[in-house]
C-alpha cells in the first residue's frame, strides 16, 4: 500500500471513530500529505469536527476542506432569525464585546465583522455562532486591534512567546523561531503534528500585545 493510500485509510478510520461525525457521506483523498475532505454533513459543528479529526492523523501536512453543510428541512432557519439569535447569544456572553461586532447572515452563512481587543474575544464570538442551529458556515473577519498605548515592546512580546513555547511539554521549542513586528507575531520552524502547530499558535495569541499571528510552521511527521 502506498503512503497516500495508507494516509487516506488512516483519515477514514479516524472519521469513523469520531462520534460527532457521520462519515458515510464524507469522501477522503490524499496526495503527498495533503488530504481533501469532500461530501456533506448535516451541521456546521459536524463539519468542524471532521476537519479536527483529519488534523489528528499523523502524516497530514495540509487539509483541503470541501465539505458542504446540508441542513435537514426541519433545521433550516430564516436568515433574520439566525441574526437575531446571534445578537442575543453575544449579549449573554461576557467574553464577547457585542457592541463592537456586526453580524451578516446570507443563506445560512454568517459573517462577523468589527474589532476586539483580544484574540480570545474573537474566538469566543465564532464559537457562539457555531452552536446556533441553521448555520451553514462562519466567516470571521473580526480584527484584533489592541490600542498602541497597551502594546508592549516587540522584544518583550517575543520573549514571552518563546518562554511559553519552552514551558509546553508537547513542543520542541528548539525547532521553532519567533519574530515580532508591531503587534504581528510570525512563527517558523517545524513540528510533527497539526496538534503541535495549533499549540504553538495558541501560545503566540496568548501573549499580551499580539494582534495578528502568522503561522508558517511546517508539519513534518
N, C-alpha and C. Protein backbone atom coordinates (compact mmCIF):
# COMPACT_ATOMS: atom_id res chain seq x y z
N UNK A 1 0.85 -1.19 0.00
CA UNK A 1 0.00 0.00 0.00
C UNK A 1 0.89 1.25 0.00
N UNK A 2 0.58 2.22 -0.89
CA UNK A 2 1.37 3.44 -0.97
C UNK A 2 1.15 4.32 0.25
N UNK A 3 2.06 5.30 0.43
CA UNK A 3 1.91 6.23 1.55
C UNK A 3 0.59 6.98 1.47
N UNK A 4 0.20 7.41 0.25
CA UNK A 4 -1.06 8.14 0.09
C UNK A 4 -2.24 7.26 0.46
N UNK A 5 -2.21 6.00 0.06
CA UNK A 5 -3.30 5.09 0.38
C UNK A 5 -3.38 4.83 1.89
N UNK A 6 -2.21 4.69 2.52
CA UNK A 6 -2.18 4.47 3.97
C UNK A 6 -2.72 5.67 4.71
N UNK A 7 -2.33 6.88 4.25
CA UNK A 7 -2.81 8.10 4.90
C UNK A 7 -4.31 8.23 4.73
N UNK A 8 -4.80 7.96 3.54
CA UNK A 8 -6.25 8.04 3.30
C UNK A 8 -6.99 7.07 4.23
N UNK A 9 -6.49 5.85 4.34
CA UNK A 9 -7.14 4.85 5.19
C UNK A 9 -7.14 5.30 6.65
N UNK A 10 -6.06 5.92 7.08
CA UNK A 10 -5.98 6.38 8.48
C UNK A 10 -6.98 7.50 8.74
N UNK A 11 -7.13 8.42 7.78
CA UNK A 11 -8.09 9.52 7.95
C UNK A 11 -9.52 8.98 7.96
N UNK A 12 -9.82 8.05 7.07
CA UNK A 12 -11.15 7.44 7.03
C UNK A 12 -11.46 6.76 8.37
N UNK A 13 -10.48 6.05 8.91
CA UNK A 13 -10.68 5.36 10.19
C UNK A 13 -10.93 6.36 11.32
N UNK A 14 -10.21 7.48 11.29
CA UNK A 14 -10.38 8.49 12.33
C UNK A 14 -11.75 9.15 12.23
N UNK A 15 -12.23 9.40 11.00
CA UNK A 15 -13.56 9.97 10.82
C UNK A 15 -14.63 9.01 11.33
N UNK A 16 -14.45 7.72 11.07
CA UNK A 16 -15.42 6.73 11.52
C UNK A 16 -15.39 6.59 13.05
N UNK A 17 -14.23 6.89 13.65
CA UNK A 17 -14.08 6.80 15.10
C UNK A 17 -14.71 8.00 15.81
N UNK A 18 -14.77 9.15 15.11
CA UNK A 18 -15.28 10.38 15.71
C UNK A 18 -16.80 10.30 15.87
N UNK A 19 -17.33 10.29 17.11
CA UNK A 19 -18.76 10.08 17.31
C UNK A 19 -19.66 11.21 16.80
N UNK A 20 -19.11 12.42 16.67
CA UNK A 20 -19.94 13.55 16.24
C UNK A 20 -20.01 13.70 14.72
N UNK A 21 -19.42 12.76 13.99
CA UNK A 21 -19.38 12.84 12.53
C UNK A 21 -19.99 11.58 11.92
N UNK A 22 -20.90 11.79 10.96
CA UNK A 22 -21.41 10.68 10.15
C UNK A 22 -20.52 10.58 8.92
N UNK A 23 -19.58 9.64 8.97
CA UNK A 23 -18.57 9.55 7.91
C UNK A 23 -19.10 8.95 6.62
N UNK A 24 -20.34 8.47 6.63
CA UNK A 24 -20.88 7.80 5.45
C UNK A 24 -20.93 8.69 4.23
N UNK A 25 -21.06 10.01 4.44
CA UNK A 25 -21.21 10.92 3.31
C UNK A 25 -19.97 11.81 3.11
N UNK A 26 -18.86 11.42 3.68
CA UNK A 26 -17.62 12.20 3.55
C UNK A 26 -16.61 11.41 2.73
N UNK A 27 -16.11 12.04 1.69
CA UNK A 27 -15.09 11.43 0.85
C UNK A 27 -13.70 11.92 1.25
N UNK A 28 -12.71 11.06 1.13
CA UNK A 28 -11.34 11.39 1.52
C UNK A 28 -10.38 11.01 0.40
N UNK A 29 -9.48 11.92 0.07
CA UNK A 29 -8.39 11.62 -0.85
C UNK A 29 -7.11 12.19 -0.26
N UNK A 30 -5.97 11.61 -0.63
CA UNK A 30 -4.69 12.06 -0.10
C UNK A 30 -3.63 12.03 -1.18
N UNK A 31 -2.80 13.08 -1.19
CA UNK A 31 -1.70 13.15 -2.14
C UNK A 31 -0.56 13.96 -1.52
N UNK A 32 0.57 13.32 -1.33
CA UNK A 32 1.77 13.97 -0.78
C UNK A 32 1.49 14.67 0.55
N UNK A 33 0.69 14.04 1.40
CA UNK A 33 0.41 14.61 2.71
C UNK A 33 -0.73 15.60 2.75
N UNK A 34 -1.29 15.94 1.58
CA UNK A 34 -2.43 16.87 1.51
C UNK A 34 -3.71 16.04 1.43
N UNK A 35 -4.57 16.22 2.41
CA UNK A 35 -5.82 15.46 2.49
C UNK A 35 -6.98 16.35 2.06
N UNK A 36 -7.81 15.84 1.17
CA UNK A 36 -9.00 16.57 0.73
C UNK A 36 -10.24 15.88 1.29
N UNK A 37 -11.06 16.66 1.97
CA UNK A 37 -12.33 16.16 2.51
C UNK A 37 -13.46 16.71 1.66
N UNK A 38 -14.35 15.87 1.21
CA UNK A 38 -15.48 16.31 0.37
C UNK A 38 -16.75 15.62 0.87
N UNK A 39 -17.86 15.92 0.19
CA UNK A 39 -19.13 15.34 0.59
C UNK A 39 -19.97 16.32 1.37
N UNK A 40 -20.82 15.81 2.30
CA UNK A 40 -21.69 16.71 3.05
C UNK A 40 -21.98 16.15 4.44
N UNK A 41 -22.32 17.08 5.33
CA UNK A 41 -22.76 16.75 6.69
C UNK A 41 -24.02 17.55 6.98
N UNK A 42 -24.66 17.26 8.13
CA UNK A 42 -25.94 17.91 8.40
C UNK A 42 -25.85 19.08 9.38
N UNK A 43 -24.63 19.48 9.75
CA UNK A 43 -24.50 20.63 10.64
C UNK A 43 -23.10 21.21 10.55
N UNK A 44 -22.99 22.48 10.93
CA UNK A 44 -21.67 23.12 10.93
C UNK A 44 -20.73 22.53 11.97
N UNK A 45 -21.20 22.21 13.20
CA UNK A 45 -20.31 21.55 14.15
C UNK A 45 -19.75 20.23 13.63
N UNK A 46 -20.54 19.47 12.86
CA UNK A 46 -20.04 18.22 12.30
C UNK A 46 -18.95 18.48 11.26
N UNK A 47 -19.09 19.54 10.50
CA UNK A 47 -18.07 19.94 9.52
C UNK A 47 -16.75 20.26 10.23
N UNK A 48 -16.85 21.05 11.32
CA UNK A 48 -15.64 21.40 12.07
C UNK A 48 -15.03 20.17 12.72
N UNK A 49 -15.86 19.26 13.22
CA UNK A 49 -15.36 18.05 13.87
C UNK A 49 -14.64 17.15 12.87
N UNK A 50 -15.13 17.09 11.63
CA UNK A 50 -14.47 16.28 10.61
C UNK A 50 -13.07 16.81 10.30
N UNK A 51 -12.94 18.12 10.23
CA UNK A 51 -11.63 18.71 9.99
C UNK A 51 -10.69 18.45 11.16
N UNK A 52 -11.19 18.58 12.38
CA UNK A 52 -10.34 18.31 13.55
C UNK A 52 -9.88 16.86 13.57
N UNK A 53 -10.78 15.95 13.19
CA UNK A 53 -10.42 14.53 13.17
C UNK A 53 -9.29 14.27 12.17
N UNK A 54 -9.39 14.88 11.00
CA UNK A 54 -8.35 14.70 9.98
C UNK A 54 -7.02 15.28 10.46
N UNK A 55 -7.07 16.40 11.17
CA UNK A 55 -5.84 17.03 11.67
C UNK A 55 -5.12 16.15 12.68
N UNK A 56 -5.87 15.29 13.37
CA UNK A 56 -5.26 14.45 14.40
C UNK A 56 -4.40 13.33 13.82
N UNK A 57 -4.57 13.04 12.56
CA UNK A 57 -3.89 11.89 11.96
C UNK A 57 -2.44 12.24 11.62
N UNK A 58 -1.53 11.41 12.09
CA UNK A 58 -0.12 11.63 11.80
C UNK A 58 0.14 11.48 10.30
N UNK A 59 0.88 12.40 9.74
CA UNK A 59 1.18 12.37 8.31
C UNK A 59 0.42 13.40 7.50
N UNK A 60 -0.62 13.99 8.10
CA UNK A 60 -1.40 15.02 7.40
C UNK A 60 -0.65 16.34 7.49
N UNK A 61 -0.25 16.86 6.34
CA UNK A 61 0.51 18.11 6.30
C UNK A 61 -0.37 19.31 5.96
N UNK A 62 -1.47 19.07 5.27
CA UNK A 62 -2.39 20.15 4.91
C UNK A 62 -3.75 19.53 4.62
N UNK A 63 -4.80 20.37 4.74
CA UNK A 63 -6.16 19.89 4.51
C UNK A 63 -6.88 20.82 3.55
N UNK A 64 -7.47 20.25 2.52
CA UNK A 64 -8.37 20.98 1.62
C UNK A 64 -9.78 20.56 2.02
N UNK A 65 -10.52 21.49 2.61
CA UNK A 65 -11.81 21.17 3.20
C UNK A 65 -12.93 21.63 2.28
N UNK A 66 -13.60 20.65 1.65
CA UNK A 66 -14.65 20.95 0.68
C UNK A 66 -16.00 20.37 1.10
N UNK A 67 -16.16 20.12 2.38
CA UNK A 67 -17.41 19.54 2.88
C UNK A 67 -18.52 20.59 2.85
N UNK A 68 -19.67 20.18 2.39
CA UNK A 68 -20.84 21.06 2.33
C UNK A 68 -21.79 20.75 3.47
N UNK A 69 -22.38 21.79 4.05
CA UNK A 69 -23.39 21.59 5.10
C UNK A 69 -24.77 21.58 4.44
N UNK A 70 -25.47 20.46 4.56
CA UNK A 70 -26.83 20.34 4.04
C UNK A 70 -27.76 20.14 5.22
N UNK A 71 -28.49 21.17 5.54
CA UNK A 71 -29.36 21.12 6.70
C UNK A 71 -30.65 20.37 6.39
N UNK A 72 -31.10 19.51 7.30
CA UNK A 72 -32.42 18.89 7.13
C UNK A 72 -33.49 19.98 7.11
N UNK A 73 -34.60 19.71 6.46
CA UNK A 73 -35.66 20.71 6.33
C UNK A 73 -36.14 21.24 7.67
N UNK A 74 -36.15 20.38 8.69
CA UNK A 74 -36.66 20.83 9.98
C UNK A 74 -35.64 21.63 10.76
N UNK A 75 -34.41 21.77 10.24
CA UNK A 75 -33.39 22.55 10.93
C UNK A 75 -33.07 23.86 10.20
N UNK A 76 -33.76 24.13 9.11
CA UNK A 76 -33.49 25.36 8.36
C UNK A 76 -34.15 26.55 9.06
N UNK A 77 -33.44 27.65 9.09
CA UNK A 77 -33.93 28.85 9.75
C UNK A 77 -33.77 30.04 8.82
N UNK A 78 -34.66 31.00 8.96
CA UNK A 78 -34.55 32.23 8.18
C UNK A 78 -33.32 33.00 8.62
N UNK A 79 -32.73 33.73 7.66
CA UNK A 79 -31.51 34.48 7.97
C UNK A 79 -31.73 35.49 9.09
N UNK A 80 -32.90 36.16 9.08
CA UNK A 80 -33.14 37.16 10.13
C UNK A 80 -33.27 36.51 11.50
N UNK A 81 -33.76 35.27 11.54
CA UNK A 81 -33.86 34.55 12.81
C UNK A 81 -32.46 34.20 13.34
N UNK A 82 -31.60 33.74 12.44
CA UNK A 82 -30.21 33.42 12.84
C UNK A 82 -29.51 34.67 13.35
N UNK A 83 -29.68 35.79 12.62
CA UNK A 83 -29.03 37.04 13.01
C UNK A 83 -29.52 37.49 14.39
N UNK A 84 -30.81 37.38 14.63
CA UNK A 84 -31.36 37.79 15.92
C UNK A 84 -30.83 36.94 17.05
N UNK A 85 -30.75 35.61 16.83
CA UNK A 85 -30.23 34.73 17.87
C UNK A 85 -28.73 34.95 18.08
N UNK A 86 -28.01 35.33 17.02
CA UNK A 86 -26.59 35.63 17.16
C UNK A 86 -26.37 36.83 18.07
N UNK A 87 -27.14 37.88 17.84
CA UNK A 87 -27.02 39.07 18.68
C UNK A 87 -27.40 38.77 20.13
N UNK A 88 -28.37 37.90 20.29
CA UNK A 88 -28.82 37.55 21.64
C UNK A 88 -27.76 36.76 22.39
N UNK A 89 -27.15 35.78 21.72
CA UNK A 89 -26.14 34.98 22.40
C UNK A 89 -24.89 35.80 22.70
N UNK A 90 -24.58 36.77 21.83
CA UNK A 90 -23.46 37.68 22.11
C UNK A 90 -23.73 38.50 23.37
N UNK A 91 -24.96 38.96 23.51
CA UNK A 91 -25.31 39.77 24.68
C UNK A 91 -25.20 38.98 25.97
N UNK A 92 -25.40 37.66 25.89
CA UNK A 92 -25.31 36.81 27.08
C UNK A 92 -23.87 36.44 27.42
N UNK A 93 -22.98 36.47 26.42
CA UNK A 93 -21.60 36.00 26.61
C UNK A 93 -20.73 37.16 27.12
N UNK A 94 -20.25 37.05 28.36
CA UNK A 94 -19.47 38.14 28.94
C UNK A 94 -18.10 38.29 28.28
N UNK A 95 -17.65 37.29 27.54
CA UNK A 95 -16.35 37.37 26.86
C UNK A 95 -16.43 38.13 25.54
N UNK A 96 -17.64 38.38 25.06
CA UNK A 96 -17.81 38.99 23.74
C UNK A 96 -18.27 40.45 23.88
N UNK A 97 -17.47 41.41 23.38
CA UNK A 97 -17.91 42.82 23.38
C UNK A 97 -18.90 43.04 22.24
N UNK A 98 -20.17 42.67 22.47
CA UNK A 98 -21.15 42.60 21.39
C UNK A 98 -21.39 43.93 20.71
N UNK A 99 -21.16 45.03 21.41
CA UNK A 99 -21.39 46.33 20.80
C UNK A 99 -20.36 46.66 19.72
N UNK A 100 -19.29 45.89 19.63
CA UNK A 100 -18.22 46.14 18.66
C UNK A 100 -18.23 45.14 17.51
N UNK A 101 -19.27 44.29 17.46
CA UNK A 101 -19.32 43.24 16.44
C UNK A 101 -20.57 43.38 15.60
N UNK A 102 -20.40 43.26 14.30
CA UNK A 102 -21.51 43.31 13.35
C UNK A 102 -21.73 41.91 12.77
N UNK A 103 -22.99 41.56 12.54
CA UNK A 103 -23.35 40.24 12.05
C UNK A 103 -24.12 40.36 10.74
N UNK A 104 -23.70 39.56 9.76
CA UNK A 104 -24.42 39.48 8.48
C UNK A 104 -24.72 38.01 8.20
N UNK A 105 -25.95 37.72 7.81
CA UNK A 105 -26.34 36.34 7.51
C UNK A 105 -26.94 36.28 6.11
N UNK A 106 -26.44 35.38 5.31
CA UNK A 106 -26.94 35.21 3.94
C UNK A 106 -26.98 33.73 3.61
N UNK A 107 -28.18 33.20 3.43
CA UNK A 107 -28.39 31.78 3.13
C UNK A 107 -27.69 30.88 4.15
N UNK A 108 -27.75 31.25 5.41
CA UNK A 108 -27.17 30.43 6.47
C UNK A 108 -25.69 30.65 6.71
N UNK A 109 -25.03 31.45 5.86
CA UNK A 109 -23.63 31.78 6.05
C UNK A 109 -23.52 33.05 6.90
N UNK A 110 -22.81 32.98 8.00
CA UNK A 110 -22.69 34.10 8.93
C UNK A 110 -21.33 34.76 8.78
N UNK A 111 -21.34 36.07 8.58
CA UNK A 111 -20.10 36.85 8.50
C UNK A 111 -20.02 37.77 9.71
N UNK A 112 -18.91 37.70 10.42
CA UNK A 112 -18.68 38.55 11.59
C UNK A 112 -17.64 39.60 11.26
N UNK A 113 -17.95 40.86 11.60
CA UNK A 113 -17.04 41.96 11.36
C UNK A 113 -16.95 42.83 12.60
N UNK A 114 -15.95 43.71 12.63
CA UNK A 114 -15.75 44.59 13.76
C UNK A 114 -14.35 44.43 14.31
N UNK A 115 -14.14 44.87 15.54
CA UNK A 115 -12.81 44.77 16.15
C UNK A 115 -12.95 44.52 17.64
N UNK A 116 -12.00 43.77 18.17
CA UNK A 116 -11.95 43.48 19.61
C UNK A 116 -10.52 43.70 20.08
N UNK A 117 -10.35 43.71 21.39
CA UNK A 117 -9.02 43.98 21.95
C UNK A 117 -8.16 42.73 22.05
N UNK A 118 -8.80 41.56 22.16
CA UNK A 118 -8.03 40.34 22.41
C UNK A 118 -8.52 39.18 21.52
N UNK A 119 -7.61 38.26 21.23
CA UNK A 119 -7.94 37.12 20.39
C UNK A 119 -9.01 36.23 21.02
N UNK A 120 -8.99 36.05 22.35
CA UNK A 120 -9.99 35.16 22.97
C UNK A 120 -11.40 35.68 22.74
N UNK A 121 -11.56 37.01 22.59
CA UNK A 121 -12.88 37.57 22.31
C UNK A 121 -13.32 37.22 20.89
N UNK A 122 -12.39 37.29 19.97
CA UNK A 122 -12.67 36.93 18.57
C UNK A 122 -13.07 35.45 18.47
N UNK A 123 -12.30 34.60 19.17
CA UNK A 123 -12.59 33.16 19.15
C UNK A 123 -13.92 32.85 19.83
N UNK A 124 -14.23 33.56 20.93
CA UNK A 124 -15.48 33.32 21.64
C UNK A 124 -16.69 33.67 20.77
N UNK A 125 -16.58 34.75 20.00
CA UNK A 125 -17.69 35.14 19.11
C UNK A 125 -17.95 34.06 18.07
N UNK A 126 -16.89 33.53 17.46
CA UNK A 126 -17.07 32.48 16.46
C UNK A 126 -17.63 31.21 17.09
N UNK A 127 -17.15 30.86 18.28
CA UNK A 127 -17.65 29.66 18.96
C UNK A 127 -19.14 29.77 19.26
N UNK A 128 -19.58 30.97 19.62
CA UNK A 128 -21.01 31.19 19.88
C UNK A 128 -21.83 30.90 18.63
N UNK A 129 -21.37 31.41 17.49
CA UNK A 129 -22.11 31.23 16.24
C UNK A 129 -22.16 29.77 15.83
N UNK A 130 -21.08 29.05 16.07
CA UNK A 130 -21.04 27.64 15.68
C UNK A 130 -22.09 26.80 16.41
N UNK A 131 -22.53 27.26 17.55
CA UNK A 131 -23.52 26.50 18.32
C UNK A 131 -24.94 26.73 17.85
N UNK A 132 -25.17 27.72 17.01
CA UNK A 132 -26.53 28.05 16.59
C UNK A 132 -27.02 27.10 15.51
N UNK A 133 -28.26 26.69 15.61
CA UNK A 133 -28.86 25.87 14.57
C UNK A 133 -29.10 26.67 13.31
N UNK A 134 -29.04 26.01 12.16
CA UNK A 134 -29.28 26.67 10.89
C UNK A 134 -28.07 27.31 10.25
N UNK A 135 -26.95 27.34 10.96
CA UNK A 135 -25.74 27.96 10.43
C UNK A 135 -25.00 26.98 9.51
N UNK A 136 -24.70 27.42 8.30
CA UNK A 136 -24.01 26.59 7.32
C UNK A 136 -22.51 26.87 7.28
N UNK A 137 -22.08 27.99 7.81
CA UNK A 137 -20.67 28.33 7.81
C UNK A 137 -20.44 29.68 8.48
N UNK A 138 -19.20 29.93 8.90
CA UNK A 138 -18.86 31.18 9.57
C UNK A 138 -17.63 31.78 8.90
N UNK A 139 -17.73 33.07 8.56
CA UNK A 139 -16.58 33.84 8.06
C UNK A 139 -16.25 34.86 9.13
N UNK A 140 -15.12 34.68 9.79
CA UNK A 140 -14.76 35.55 10.91
C UNK A 140 -13.78 36.62 10.44
N UNK A 141 -14.30 37.83 10.23
CA UNK A 141 -13.48 38.95 9.79
C UNK A 141 -13.20 39.94 10.94
N UNK A 142 -13.49 39.51 12.16
CA UNK A 142 -13.24 40.38 13.31
C UNK A 142 -11.74 40.62 13.46
N UNK A 143 -11.35 41.87 13.61
CA UNK A 143 -9.94 42.22 13.78
C UNK A 143 -9.58 42.31 15.26
N UNK A 144 -8.35 41.89 15.57
CA UNK A 144 -7.83 42.11 16.91
C UNK A 144 -7.01 43.39 16.83
N UNK A 145 -7.52 44.46 17.43
CA UNK A 145 -6.89 45.78 17.29
C UNK A 145 -6.65 46.37 18.67
N UNK A 146 -5.58 45.92 19.30
CA UNK A 146 -5.25 46.44 20.62
C UNK A 146 -4.66 47.84 20.48
N UNK A 147 -5.01 48.73 21.38
CA UNK A 147 -4.55 50.11 21.30
C UNK A 147 -3.05 50.20 21.51
N UNK A 148 -2.43 51.17 20.85
CA UNK A 148 -0.97 51.31 20.88
C UNK A 148 -0.43 51.56 22.28
N UNK A 149 -1.21 52.23 23.13
CA UNK A 149 -0.70 52.55 24.47
C UNK A 149 -0.62 51.33 25.37
N UNK A 150 -1.26 50.21 24.98
CA UNK A 150 -1.18 48.99 25.77
C UNK A 150 -0.23 47.98 25.15
N UNK A 151 0.38 48.31 24.04
CA UNK A 151 1.18 47.33 23.31
C UNK A 151 2.61 47.31 23.83
N UNK A 152 3.09 46.17 24.35
CA UNK A 152 4.46 46.09 24.84
C UNK A 152 5.48 46.16 23.71
N UNK A 153 6.72 46.29 24.09
CA UNK A 153 7.82 46.30 23.14
C UNK A 153 7.88 44.95 22.41
N UNK A 154 8.15 44.95 21.09
CA UNK A 154 8.21 43.69 20.33
C UNK A 154 9.16 42.66 20.93
N UNK A 155 10.30 43.10 21.47
CA UNK A 155 11.24 42.16 22.08
C UNK A 155 10.63 41.50 23.31
N UNK A 156 9.82 42.26 24.05
CA UNK A 156 9.16 41.70 25.23
C UNK A 156 8.13 40.66 24.80
N UNK A 157 7.36 40.97 23.74
CA UNK A 157 6.37 40.03 23.23
C UNK A 157 7.05 38.73 22.79
N UNK A 158 8.14 38.88 22.02
CA UNK A 158 8.84 37.69 21.52
C UNK A 158 9.36 36.82 22.68
N UNK A 159 9.92 37.47 23.69
CA UNK A 159 10.44 36.73 24.82
C UNK A 159 9.34 35.96 25.55
N UNK A 160 8.17 36.58 25.70
CA UNK A 160 7.06 35.91 26.38
C UNK A 160 6.56 34.71 25.58
N UNK A 161 6.50 34.86 24.26
CA UNK A 161 6.07 33.75 23.42
C UNK A 161 7.08 32.60 23.51
N UNK A 162 8.37 32.93 23.43
CA UNK A 162 9.40 31.89 23.50
C UNK A 162 9.36 31.15 24.83
N UNK A 163 9.12 31.88 25.91
CA UNK A 163 9.02 31.23 27.21
C UNK A 163 7.82 30.30 27.27
N UNK A 164 6.70 30.74 26.69
CA UNK A 164 5.50 29.91 26.66
C UNK A 164 5.75 28.63 25.86
N UNK A 165 6.47 28.74 24.76
CA UNK A 165 6.78 27.56 23.94
C UNK A 165 7.67 26.60 24.71
N UNK A 166 8.64 27.13 25.45
CA UNK A 166 9.55 26.26 26.21
C UNK A 166 8.83 25.57 27.36
N UNK A 167 7.83 26.23 27.94
CA UNK A 167 7.09 25.64 29.05
C UNK A 167 6.21 24.47 28.62
N UNK A 168 5.80 24.47 27.36
CA UNK A 168 4.86 23.45 26.89
C UNK A 168 5.58 22.12 26.65
N UNK A 169 5.18 21.11 27.42
CA UNK A 169 5.85 19.82 27.33
C UNK A 169 5.61 19.12 25.99
N UNK A 170 4.58 19.56 25.26
CA UNK A 170 4.23 18.91 24.00
C UNK A 170 5.06 19.44 22.83
N UNK A 171 5.83 20.50 23.05
CA UNK A 171 6.55 21.15 21.95
C UNK A 171 8.06 21.06 22.11
N UNK A 172 8.75 20.93 20.99
CA UNK A 172 10.20 21.04 20.96
C UNK A 172 10.51 22.47 20.55
N UNK A 173 10.66 23.34 21.54
CA UNK A 173 10.81 24.77 21.26
C UNK A 173 12.05 25.08 20.45
N UNK A 174 13.06 24.22 20.52
CA UNK A 174 14.28 24.46 19.77
C UNK A 174 14.10 24.41 18.26
N UNK A 175 12.98 23.82 17.81
CA UNK A 175 12.71 23.72 16.37
C UNK A 175 11.86 24.88 15.86
N UNK A 176 11.55 25.81 16.77
CA UNK A 176 10.67 26.91 16.40
C UNK A 176 11.36 28.26 16.56
N UNK A 177 10.98 29.20 15.71
CA UNK A 177 11.52 30.56 15.78
C UNK A 177 10.37 31.55 15.80
N UNK A 178 10.56 32.65 16.52
CA UNK A 178 9.51 33.67 16.66
C UNK A 178 10.06 35.02 16.25
N UNK A 179 9.34 35.71 15.38
CA UNK A 179 9.65 37.09 15.01
C UNK A 179 8.44 37.95 15.33
N UNK A 180 8.68 39.15 15.84
CA UNK A 180 7.59 40.06 16.18
C UNK A 180 7.87 41.43 15.59
N UNK A 181 6.88 41.94 14.87
CA UNK A 181 6.97 43.28 14.30
C UNK A 181 5.66 44.00 14.59
N UNK A 182 5.72 45.06 15.38
CA UNK A 182 4.49 45.70 15.81
C UNK A 182 3.70 44.73 16.66
N UNK A 183 2.45 44.52 16.31
CA UNK A 183 1.64 43.55 17.04
C UNK A 183 1.53 42.22 16.32
N UNK A 184 2.32 42.01 15.25
CA UNK A 184 2.23 40.76 14.49
C UNK A 184 3.35 39.82 14.86
N UNK A 185 2.99 38.60 15.25
CA UNK A 185 3.97 37.56 15.57
C UNK A 185 4.00 36.55 14.43
N UNK A 186 5.21 36.19 13.98
CA UNK A 186 5.38 35.20 12.92
C UNK A 186 6.10 34.00 13.50
N UNK A 187 5.52 32.82 13.29
CA UNK A 187 6.09 31.58 13.78
C UNK A 187 6.66 30.78 12.62
N UNK A 188 7.88 30.28 12.79
CA UNK A 188 8.52 29.47 11.76
C UNK A 188 9.13 28.23 12.40
N UNK A 189 9.49 27.28 11.56
CA UNK A 189 10.10 26.05 12.04
C UNK A 189 9.27 24.86 11.62
N UNK A 190 9.38 23.77 12.36
CA UNK A 190 8.64 22.55 12.01
C UNK A 190 8.24 21.78 13.25
N UNK A 191 7.13 21.07 13.14
CA UNK A 191 6.63 20.19 14.19
C UNK A 191 6.18 18.89 13.52
N UNK A 192 5.84 17.90 14.36
CA UNK A 192 5.47 16.60 13.80
C UNK A 192 3.98 16.44 13.57
N UNK A 193 3.16 17.24 14.24
CA UNK A 193 1.71 17.08 14.12
C UNK A 193 1.01 18.44 14.05
N UNK A 194 -0.23 18.41 13.53
CA UNK A 194 -1.05 19.62 13.50
C UNK A 194 -1.37 20.07 14.91
N UNK A 195 -1.49 19.12 15.84
CA UNK A 195 -1.78 19.47 17.22
C UNK A 195 -0.70 20.38 17.77
N UNK A 196 0.57 20.05 17.51
CA UNK A 196 1.68 20.88 17.98
C UNK A 196 1.66 22.25 17.30
N UNK A 197 1.33 22.26 16.02
CA UNK A 197 1.26 23.53 15.28
C UNK A 197 0.20 24.45 15.91
N UNK A 198 -0.95 23.88 16.24
CA UNK A 198 -2.02 24.66 16.85
C UNK A 198 -1.63 25.13 18.26
N UNK A 199 -0.91 24.28 19.02
CA UNK A 199 -0.46 24.67 20.35
C UNK A 199 0.47 25.88 20.28
N UNK A 200 1.39 25.86 19.31
CA UNK A 200 2.32 26.97 19.16
C UNK A 200 1.58 28.26 18.81
N UNK A 201 0.60 28.15 17.91
CA UNK A 201 -0.16 29.34 17.54
C UNK A 201 -0.96 29.87 18.72
N UNK A 202 -1.53 28.97 19.51
CA UNK A 202 -2.27 29.40 20.69
C UNK A 202 -1.39 30.13 21.69
N UNK A 203 -0.14 29.66 21.83
CA UNK A 203 0.80 30.32 22.74
C UNK A 203 1.10 31.73 22.26
N UNK A 204 1.24 31.90 20.96
CA UNK A 204 1.52 33.23 20.41
C UNK A 204 0.34 34.18 20.62
N UNK A 205 -0.87 33.68 20.39
CA UNK A 205 -2.06 34.52 20.56
C UNK A 205 -2.24 34.95 22.01
N UNK A 206 -1.76 34.14 22.95
CA UNK A 206 -1.96 34.44 24.37
C UNK A 206 -1.06 35.56 24.87
N UNK A 207 -0.04 35.92 24.11
CA UNK A 207 0.89 36.96 24.57
C UNK A 207 0.24 38.34 24.50
N UNK A 208 0.28 39.12 25.57
CA UNK A 208 -0.28 40.48 25.54
C UNK A 208 0.38 41.33 24.46
N UNK A 209 -0.43 42.05 23.70
CA UNK A 209 0.10 42.92 22.66
C UNK A 209 0.05 42.32 21.27
N UNK A 210 -0.25 41.02 21.16
CA UNK A 210 -0.33 40.37 19.84
C UNK A 210 -1.70 40.62 19.22
N UNK A 211 -1.70 41.20 18.03
CA UNK A 211 -2.96 41.46 17.33
C UNK A 211 -3.09 40.62 16.06
N UNK A 212 -2.01 39.93 15.68
CA UNK A 212 -2.04 39.09 14.48
C UNK A 212 -0.97 38.01 14.61
N UNK A 213 -1.30 36.78 14.19
CA UNK A 213 -0.33 35.69 14.21
C UNK A 213 -0.24 35.11 12.80
N UNK A 214 0.97 35.04 12.31
CA UNK A 214 1.23 34.42 11.01
C UNK A 214 1.93 33.09 11.28
N UNK A 215 1.25 32.00 11.05
CA UNK A 215 1.77 30.68 11.38
C UNK A 215 2.36 30.04 10.13
N UNK A 216 3.69 30.03 10.04
CA UNK A 216 4.40 29.43 8.92
C UNK A 216 5.11 28.14 9.31
N UNK A 217 4.67 27.55 10.41
CA UNK A 217 5.27 26.30 10.87
C UNK A 217 4.88 25.16 9.94
N UNK A 218 5.88 24.37 9.52
CA UNK A 218 5.62 23.21 8.67
C UNK A 218 5.30 21.98 9.53
N UNK A 219 4.41 21.13 9.04
CA UNK A 219 4.13 19.86 9.69
C UNK A 219 4.93 18.79 8.97
N UNK A 220 5.91 18.22 9.66
CA UNK A 220 6.79 17.21 9.05
C UNK A 220 6.82 15.97 9.95
N UNK A 221 5.96 15.01 9.68
CA UNK A 221 5.91 13.79 10.51
C UNK A 221 7.26 13.06 10.51
